[in-house]
Amino acid sequence: MKPHTVLVIDDDADDRIFFSEAIKKVSPDVETHYCESGIQAIDLLFTKKLVDPDYIFLDMNMPMMNGKECLLELGKLIHRSITKVVVLSTSDMVEDVQESMALGARLFLTKPDSFDALCRILKDVLEEKWQKCFR
């Protein structure tokens, strides 16, 4: 079985590093790609430099193209039966959750404030234990 392929879209360099360290700890075989904007991610997928990642972890609050706009564009490029989009955001507003899910996100999670909590979330997502993600 091939390892999961993950695309992380987050404009915050510290959050990308935090995610990178957590994913290596949880699942070192995961092939992870990082984009610092929705525009960069859409280009990566549109030009087929990355095809059908298993998961996309998407930040909601980004300049130029926010998470909702990115979700709309991702919907034109990915196969939702193959690629699961998980929004990881500082927001916990009900409207953001509802709109993201309506735009095709599989899961909406508030960014954890600790490394261990992020590791638990990533482990549960990669093992598709969706209900545990809401602890």
N, C-alpha and C. Protein backbone atom coordinates (compact mmCIF):
# COMPACT_ATOMS: atom_id res chain seq x y z
N MET A 1 0.84 -1.18 0.00
CA MET A 1 0.00 0.00 0.00
C MET A 1 0.89 1.25 0.00
N LYS A 2 0.60 2.17 -0.89
CA LYS A 2 1.41 3.39 -0.97
C LYS A 2 1.07 4.35 0.15
N PRO A 3 2.05 5.12 0.60
CA PRO A 3 1.78 6.08 1.67
C PRO A 3 0.85 7.20 1.19
N HIS A 4 0.17 7.82 2.14
CA HIS A 4 -0.72 8.93 1.82
C HIS A 4 0.06 10.09 1.21
N THR A 5 -0.62 10.84 0.35
CA THR A 5 -0.09 12.09 -0.17
C THR A 5 -0.93 13.22 0.41
N VAL A 6 -0.25 14.22 0.97
CA VAL A 6 -0.92 15.31 1.65
C VAL A 6 -0.45 16.63 1.06
N LEU A 7 -1.40 17.55 0.88
CA LEU A 7 -1.10 18.92 0.47
C LEU A 7 -1.53 19.84 1.60
N VAL A 8 -0.63 20.68 2.06
CA VAL A 8 -0.92 21.65 3.11
C VAL A 8 -0.91 23.03 2.47
N ILE A 9 -2.00 23.77 2.67
CA ILE A 9 -2.11 25.13 2.13
C ILE A 9 -2.27 26.06 3.33
N ASP A 10 -1.22 26.80 3.62
CA ASP A 10 -1.23 27.70 4.78
C ASP A 10 -0.21 28.80 4.55
N ASP A 11 -0.63 30.04 4.72
CA ASP A 11 0.26 31.17 4.47
C ASP A 11 1.25 31.42 5.61
N ASP A 12 1.03 30.80 6.77
CA ASP A 12 1.88 31.04 7.93
C ASP A 12 3.03 30.03 7.96
N ALA A 13 4.25 30.52 7.80
CA ALA A 13 5.43 29.64 7.75
C ALA A 13 5.59 28.84 9.04
N ASP A 14 5.32 29.45 10.19
CA ASP A 14 5.43 28.73 11.46
C ASP A 14 4.43 27.58 11.53
N ASP A 15 3.21 27.81 11.04
CA ASP A 15 2.21 26.74 11.04
C ASP A 15 2.61 25.60 10.10
N ARG A 16 3.22 25.94 8.97
CA ARG A 16 3.69 24.89 8.05
C ARG A 16 4.79 24.06 8.71
N ILE A 17 5.71 24.69 9.43
CA ILE A 17 6.78 23.97 10.13
C ILE A 17 6.18 23.09 11.23
N PHE A 18 5.26 23.64 12.00
CA PHE A 18 4.56 22.92 13.06
C PHE A 18 3.88 21.68 12.48
N PHE A 19 3.18 21.85 11.36
CA PHE A 19 2.50 20.74 10.69
C PHE A 19 3.51 19.71 10.21
N SER A 20 4.59 20.17 9.60
CA SER A 20 5.62 19.28 9.07
C SER A 20 6.20 18.39 10.16
N GLU A 21 6.52 18.98 11.30
CA GLU A 21 7.08 18.20 12.41
C GLU A 21 6.06 17.19 12.93
N ALA A 22 4.79 17.60 13.01
CA ALA A 22 3.75 16.71 13.52
C ALA A 22 3.50 15.55 12.57
N ILE A 23 3.44 15.83 11.28
CA ILE A 23 3.15 14.76 10.31
C ILE A 23 4.30 13.76 10.27
N LYS A 24 5.54 14.24 10.41
CA LYS A 24 6.69 13.33 10.44
C LYS A 24 6.65 12.43 11.66
N LYS A 25 6.18 12.96 12.77
CA LYS A 25 6.09 12.16 13.99
C LYS A 25 4.98 11.12 13.87
N VAL A 26 3.84 11.52 13.34
CA VAL A 26 2.66 10.65 13.27
C VAL A 26 2.78 9.61 12.17
N SER A 27 3.25 10.04 11.01
CA SER A 27 3.29 9.14 9.85
C SER A 27 4.46 9.54 8.95
N PRO A 28 5.66 9.08 9.27
CA PRO A 28 6.86 9.52 8.55
C PRO A 28 6.87 9.17 7.06
N ASP A 29 6.04 8.23 6.64
CA ASP A 29 6.01 7.84 5.23
C ASP A 29 5.13 8.72 4.37
N VAL A 30 4.36 9.61 4.97
CA VAL A 30 3.46 10.47 4.22
C VAL A 30 4.27 11.39 3.31
N GLU A 31 3.84 11.48 2.06
CA GLU A 31 4.46 12.41 1.10
C GLU A 31 3.71 13.73 1.24
N THR A 32 4.40 14.75 1.73
CA THR A 32 3.74 16.02 2.03
C THR A 32 4.26 17.14 1.13
N HIS A 33 3.32 17.92 0.61
CA HIS A 33 3.62 19.08 -0.23
C HIS A 33 3.05 20.30 0.47
N TYR A 34 3.76 21.41 0.36
CA TYR A 34 3.36 22.63 1.05
C TYR A 34 3.19 23.78 0.07
N CYS A 35 2.10 24.54 0.25
CA CYS A 35 1.87 25.75 -0.53
C CYS A 35 1.56 26.87 0.44
N GLU A 36 2.08 28.06 0.15
CA GLU A 36 1.86 29.18 1.05
C GLU A 36 0.67 30.03 0.65
N SER A 37 -0.04 29.62 -0.41
CA SER A 37 -1.25 30.34 -0.81
C SER A 37 -2.17 29.40 -1.59
N GLY A 38 -3.43 29.79 -1.60
CA GLY A 38 -4.39 29.04 -2.41
C GLY A 38 -4.05 29.11 -3.88
N ILE A 39 -3.56 30.24 -4.32
CA ILE A 39 -3.19 30.43 -5.72
C ILE A 39 -2.09 29.45 -6.11
N GLN A 40 -1.08 29.33 -5.26
CA GLN A 40 0.03 28.39 -5.52
C GLN A 40 -0.49 26.95 -5.56
N ALA A 41 -1.40 26.61 -4.67
CA ALA A 41 -1.94 25.25 -4.63
C ALA A 41 -2.78 24.94 -5.87
N ILE A 42 -3.60 25.89 -6.28
CA ILE A 42 -4.43 25.69 -7.47
C ILE A 42 -3.54 25.49 -8.69
N ASP A 43 -2.47 26.27 -8.79
CA ASP A 43 -1.52 26.11 -9.89
C ASP A 43 -0.87 24.73 -9.87
N LEU A 44 -0.48 24.28 -8.70
CA LEU A 44 0.16 22.97 -8.54
C LEU A 44 -0.77 21.85 -9.03
N LEU A 45 -2.03 21.95 -8.67
CA LEU A 45 -3.01 20.93 -9.07
C LEU A 45 -3.42 21.08 -10.53
N PHE A 46 -3.60 22.33 -10.99
CA PHE A 46 -4.03 22.58 -12.36
C PHE A 46 -2.99 22.10 -13.37
N THR A 47 -1.72 22.31 -13.05
CA THR A 47 -0.64 21.91 -13.97
C THR A 47 -0.27 20.44 -13.79
N LYS A 48 -0.98 19.76 -12.90
CA LYS A 48 -0.79 18.32 -12.65
C LYS A 48 0.60 18.00 -12.10
N LYS A 49 1.23 18.98 -11.43
CA LYS A 49 2.49 18.69 -10.73
C LYS A 49 2.20 17.86 -9.48
N LEU A 50 0.96 17.90 -9.06
CA LEU A 50 0.47 17.04 -7.98
C LEU A 50 -0.91 16.56 -8.40
N VAL A 51 -1.09 15.25 -8.41
CA VAL A 51 -2.35 14.68 -8.88
C VAL A 51 -3.01 13.89 -7.75
N ASP A 52 -4.25 14.20 -7.50
CA ASP A 52 -5.08 13.47 -6.55
C ASP A 52 -4.42 13.18 -5.20
N PRO A 53 -4.07 14.24 -4.45
CA PRO A 53 -3.57 13.98 -3.11
C PRO A 53 -4.68 13.32 -2.29
N ASP A 54 -4.30 12.53 -1.30
CA ASP A 54 -5.30 11.89 -0.46
C ASP A 54 -5.99 12.91 0.46
N TYR A 55 -5.21 13.87 0.93
CA TYR A 55 -5.75 14.88 1.84
C TYR A 55 -5.20 16.25 1.47
N ILE A 56 -6.06 17.24 1.65
CA ILE A 56 -5.63 18.64 1.58
C ILE A 56 -6.01 19.26 2.91
N PHE A 57 -5.02 19.82 3.60
CA PHE A 57 -5.26 20.56 4.83
C PHE A 57 -5.19 22.04 4.45
N LEU A 58 -6.28 22.74 4.69
CA LEU A 58 -6.45 24.09 4.18
C LEU A 58 -6.69 25.09 5.30
N ASP A 59 -5.90 26.15 5.32
CA ASP A 59 -6.11 27.25 6.25
C ASP A 59 -7.23 28.12 5.70
N MET A 60 -8.01 28.71 6.57
CA MET A 60 -9.14 29.53 6.13
C MET A 60 -8.74 30.98 5.89
N ASN A 61 -7.90 31.53 6.76
CA ASN A 61 -7.58 32.96 6.70
C ASN A 61 -6.24 33.18 6.01
N MET A 62 -6.32 33.44 4.70
CA MET A 62 -5.11 33.71 3.91
C MET A 62 -5.36 34.92 3.03
N PRO A 63 -4.31 35.67 2.72
CA PRO A 63 -4.46 36.81 1.81
C PRO A 63 -4.61 36.33 0.36
N MET A 64 -5.02 37.19 -0.50
CA MET A 64 -5.18 36.98 -1.95
C MET A 64 -6.32 36.02 -2.27
N MET A 65 -6.30 34.82 -1.72
CA MET A 65 -7.36 33.84 -1.92
C MET A 65 -7.60 33.17 -0.57
N ASN A 66 -8.77 33.46 0.03
CA ASN A 66 -9.02 32.84 1.34
C ASN A 66 -9.44 31.38 1.18
N GLY A 67 -9.62 30.71 2.30
CA GLY A 67 -9.93 29.30 2.27
C GLY A 67 -11.22 28.96 1.53
N LYS A 68 -12.24 29.80 1.69
CA LYS A 68 -13.52 29.54 1.00
C LYS A 68 -13.35 29.67 -0.52
N GLU A 69 -12.64 30.70 -0.94
CA GLU A 69 -12.39 30.87 -2.38
C GLU A 69 -11.57 29.70 -2.90
N CYS A 70 -10.60 29.25 -2.11
CA CYS A 70 -9.76 28.12 -2.50
C CYS A 70 -10.60 26.85 -2.60
N LEU A 71 -11.51 26.63 -1.64
CA LEU A 71 -12.39 25.46 -1.69
C LEU A 71 -13.21 25.44 -2.98
N LEU A 72 -13.69 26.60 -3.37
CA LEU A 72 -14.48 26.71 -4.60
C LEU A 72 -13.64 26.28 -5.81
N GLU A 73 -12.40 26.77 -5.88
CA GLU A 73 -11.52 26.42 -7.00
C GLU A 73 -11.07 24.95 -6.92
N LEU A 74 -10.81 24.47 -5.72
CA LEU A 74 -10.42 23.06 -5.57
C LEU A 74 -11.50 22.13 -6.11
N GLY A 75 -12.74 22.53 -5.90
CA GLY A 75 -13.86 21.72 -6.37
C GLY A 75 -13.85 21.49 -7.87
N LYS A 76 -13.20 22.37 -8.60
CA LYS A 76 -13.10 22.25 -10.06
C LYS A 76 -11.95 21.34 -10.49
N LEU A 77 -11.03 21.05 -9.56
CA LEU A 77 -9.79 20.35 -9.91
C LEU A 77 -9.61 18.98 -9.28
N ILE A 78 -10.26 18.73 -8.17
CA ILE A 78 -10.00 17.47 -7.47
C ILE A 78 -11.21 16.54 -7.56
N HIS A 79 -10.96 15.28 -7.34
CA HIS A 79 -12.02 14.28 -7.25
C HIS A 79 -12.32 14.11 -5.77
N ARG A 80 -13.47 14.58 -5.33
CA ARG A 80 -13.79 14.56 -3.90
C ARG A 80 -13.89 13.14 -3.35
N SER A 81 -14.08 12.15 -4.22
CA SER A 81 -14.11 10.78 -3.73
C SER A 81 -12.69 10.28 -3.43
N ILE A 82 -11.69 10.96 -3.98
CA ILE A 82 -10.29 10.58 -3.77
C ILE A 82 -9.63 11.50 -2.75
N THR A 83 -9.82 12.79 -2.93
CA THR A 83 -9.16 13.79 -2.09
C THR A 83 -10.11 14.32 -1.02
N LYS A 84 -9.69 14.23 0.22
CA LYS A 84 -10.49 14.74 1.34
C LYS A 84 -9.89 16.07 1.79
N VAL A 85 -10.72 17.10 1.80
CA VAL A 85 -10.27 18.42 2.22
C VAL A 85 -10.63 18.63 3.68
N VAL A 86 -9.62 18.97 4.47
CA VAL A 86 -9.79 19.25 5.89
C VAL A 86 -9.39 20.69 6.13
N VAL A 87 -10.33 21.50 6.61
CA VAL A 87 -10.02 22.88 6.94
C VAL A 87 -9.47 22.90 8.36
N LEU A 88 -8.29 23.48 8.49
CA LEU A 88 -7.66 23.70 9.80
C LEU A 88 -7.55 25.21 9.96
N SER A 89 -8.34 25.78 10.84
CA SER A 89 -8.42 27.23 10.92
C SER A 89 -8.41 27.71 12.36
N THR A 90 -8.05 28.96 12.53
CA THR A 90 -8.16 29.57 13.85
C THR A 90 -9.62 29.92 14.13
N SER A 91 -10.44 29.97 13.10
CA SER A 91 -11.86 30.30 13.25
C SER A 91 -12.63 29.12 13.83
N ASP A 92 -13.63 29.45 14.63
CA ASP A 92 -14.57 28.43 15.08
C ASP A 92 -16.00 28.94 14.88
N MET A 93 -16.14 29.91 13.99
CA MET A 93 -17.46 30.48 13.72
C MET A 93 -18.33 29.49 12.96
N VAL A 94 -19.56 29.34 13.42
CA VAL A 94 -20.51 28.40 12.83
C VAL A 94 -20.67 28.65 11.33
N GLU A 95 -20.73 29.92 10.94
CA GLU A 95 -20.90 30.25 9.51
C GLU A 95 -19.73 29.73 8.68
N ASP A 96 -18.51 29.84 9.20
CA ASP A 96 -17.33 29.35 8.49
C ASP A 96 -17.40 27.83 8.33
N VAL A 97 -17.80 27.16 9.39
CA VAL A 97 -17.91 25.70 9.34
C VAL A 97 -18.96 25.29 8.31
N GLN A 98 -20.14 25.87 8.38
CA GLN A 98 -21.24 25.50 7.48
C GLN A 98 -20.88 25.80 6.02
N GLU A 99 -20.33 26.98 5.78
CA GLU A 99 -19.99 27.36 4.41
C GLU A 99 -18.88 26.46 3.85
N SER A 100 -17.89 26.15 4.68
CA SER A 100 -16.79 25.28 4.23
C SER A 100 -17.30 23.89 3.88
N MET A 101 -18.18 23.36 4.71
CA MET A 101 -18.73 22.03 4.44
C MET A 101 -19.58 22.06 3.17
N ALA A 102 -20.34 23.13 2.98
CA ALA A 102 -21.16 23.27 1.77
C ALA A 102 -20.29 23.36 0.51
N LEU A 103 -19.08 23.91 0.67
CA LEU A 103 -18.16 24.05 -0.46
C LEU A 103 -17.30 22.80 -0.69
N GLY A 104 -17.52 21.76 0.13
CA GLY A 104 -16.84 20.50 -0.14
C GLY A 104 -15.82 20.03 0.87
N ALA A 105 -15.62 20.78 1.95
CA ALA A 105 -14.69 20.30 2.97
C ALA A 105 -15.29 19.06 3.63
N ARG A 106 -14.46 18.11 3.93
CA ARG A 106 -14.93 16.89 4.60
C ARG A 106 -14.98 17.10 6.10
N LEU A 107 -14.11 18.00 6.59
CA LEU A 107 -13.98 18.20 8.03
C LEU A 107 -13.50 19.62 8.27
N PHE A 108 -13.96 20.25 9.34
CA PHE A 108 -13.54 21.59 9.73
C PHE A 108 -13.07 21.52 11.17
N LEU A 109 -11.80 21.83 11.39
CA LEU A 109 -11.22 21.76 12.73
C LEU A 109 -10.55 23.07 13.09
N THR A 110 -10.65 23.44 14.35
CA THR A 110 -9.93 24.60 14.85
C THR A 110 -8.50 24.18 15.11
N LYS A 111 -7.55 25.02 14.67
CA LYS A 111 -6.14 24.70 14.86
C LYS A 111 -5.85 24.52 16.35
N PRO A 112 -5.21 23.41 16.68
CA PRO A 112 -4.88 23.17 18.09
C PRO A 112 -3.73 24.08 18.53
N ASP A 113 -3.63 24.26 19.83
CA ASP A 113 -2.58 25.14 20.35
C ASP A 113 -1.37 24.38 20.88
N SER A 114 -1.39 23.04 20.72
CA SER A 114 -0.22 22.29 21.18
C SER A 114 0.20 21.28 20.11
N PHE A 115 1.46 20.93 20.15
CA PHE A 115 2.02 19.97 19.21
C PHE A 115 1.35 18.61 19.38
N ASP A 116 1.17 18.18 20.62
CA ASP A 116 0.55 16.87 20.88
C ASP A 116 -0.88 16.82 20.36
N ALA A 117 -1.62 17.90 20.53
CA ALA A 117 -3.00 17.94 20.04
C ALA A 117 -3.02 17.85 18.51
N LEU A 118 -2.10 18.54 17.86
CA LEU A 118 -2.02 18.46 16.40
C LEU A 118 -1.68 17.04 15.96
N CYS A 119 -0.76 16.40 16.65
CA CYS A 119 -0.40 15.02 16.33
C CYS A 119 -1.61 14.10 16.45
N ARG A 120 -2.39 14.26 17.51
CA ARG A 120 -3.59 13.42 17.70
C ARG A 120 -4.58 13.64 16.55
N ILE A 121 -4.79 14.91 16.19
CA ILE A 121 -5.72 15.22 15.10
C ILE A 121 -5.24 14.59 13.80
N LEU A 122 -3.97 14.77 13.47
CA LEU A 122 -3.44 14.23 12.22
C LEU A 122 -3.54 12.71 12.19
N LYS A 123 -3.23 12.08 13.30
CA LYS A 123 -3.32 10.62 13.37
C LYS A 123 -4.76 10.17 13.10
N ASP A 124 -5.71 10.82 13.76
CA ASP A 124 -7.11 10.46 13.59
C ASP A 124 -7.59 10.71 12.16
N VAL A 125 -7.19 11.83 11.57
CA VAL A 125 -7.60 12.13 10.19
C VAL A 125 -7.01 11.10 9.23
N LEU A 126 -5.72 10.83 9.34
CA LEU A 126 -5.07 9.89 8.43
C LEU A 126 -5.61 8.47 8.57
N GLU A 127 -6.10 8.15 9.75
CA GLU A 127 -6.71 6.83 9.97
C GLU A 127 -8.22 6.88 9.73
N GLU A 128 -8.70 8.05 9.30
CA GLU A 128 -10.11 8.30 9.01
C GLU A 128 -11.03 7.98 10.18
N LYS A 129 -10.56 8.38 11.34
CA LYS A 129 -11.38 8.27 12.55
C LYS A 129 -12.01 9.64 12.78
N TRP A 130 -12.93 10.01 11.89
CA TRP A 130 -13.49 11.36 11.86
C TRP A 130 -14.12 11.75 13.19
N GLN A 131 -14.87 10.86 13.82
CA GLN A 131 -15.55 11.22 15.06
C GLN A 131 -14.57 11.59 16.17
N LYS A 132 -13.38 10.98 16.18
CA LYS A 132 -12.40 11.30 17.21
C LYS A 132 -11.80 12.69 17.02
N CYS A 133 -11.86 13.21 15.82
CA CYS A 133 -11.27 14.52 15.53
C CYS A 133 -11.98 15.64 16.29
N PHE A 134 -13.18 15.35 16.76
CA PHE A 134 -13.96 16.40 17.42
C PHE A 134 -13.83 16.40 18.94
N ARG A 135 -12.84 15.67 19.48
CA ARG A 135 -12.67 15.60 20.93
C ARG A 135 -12.61 16.96 21.56
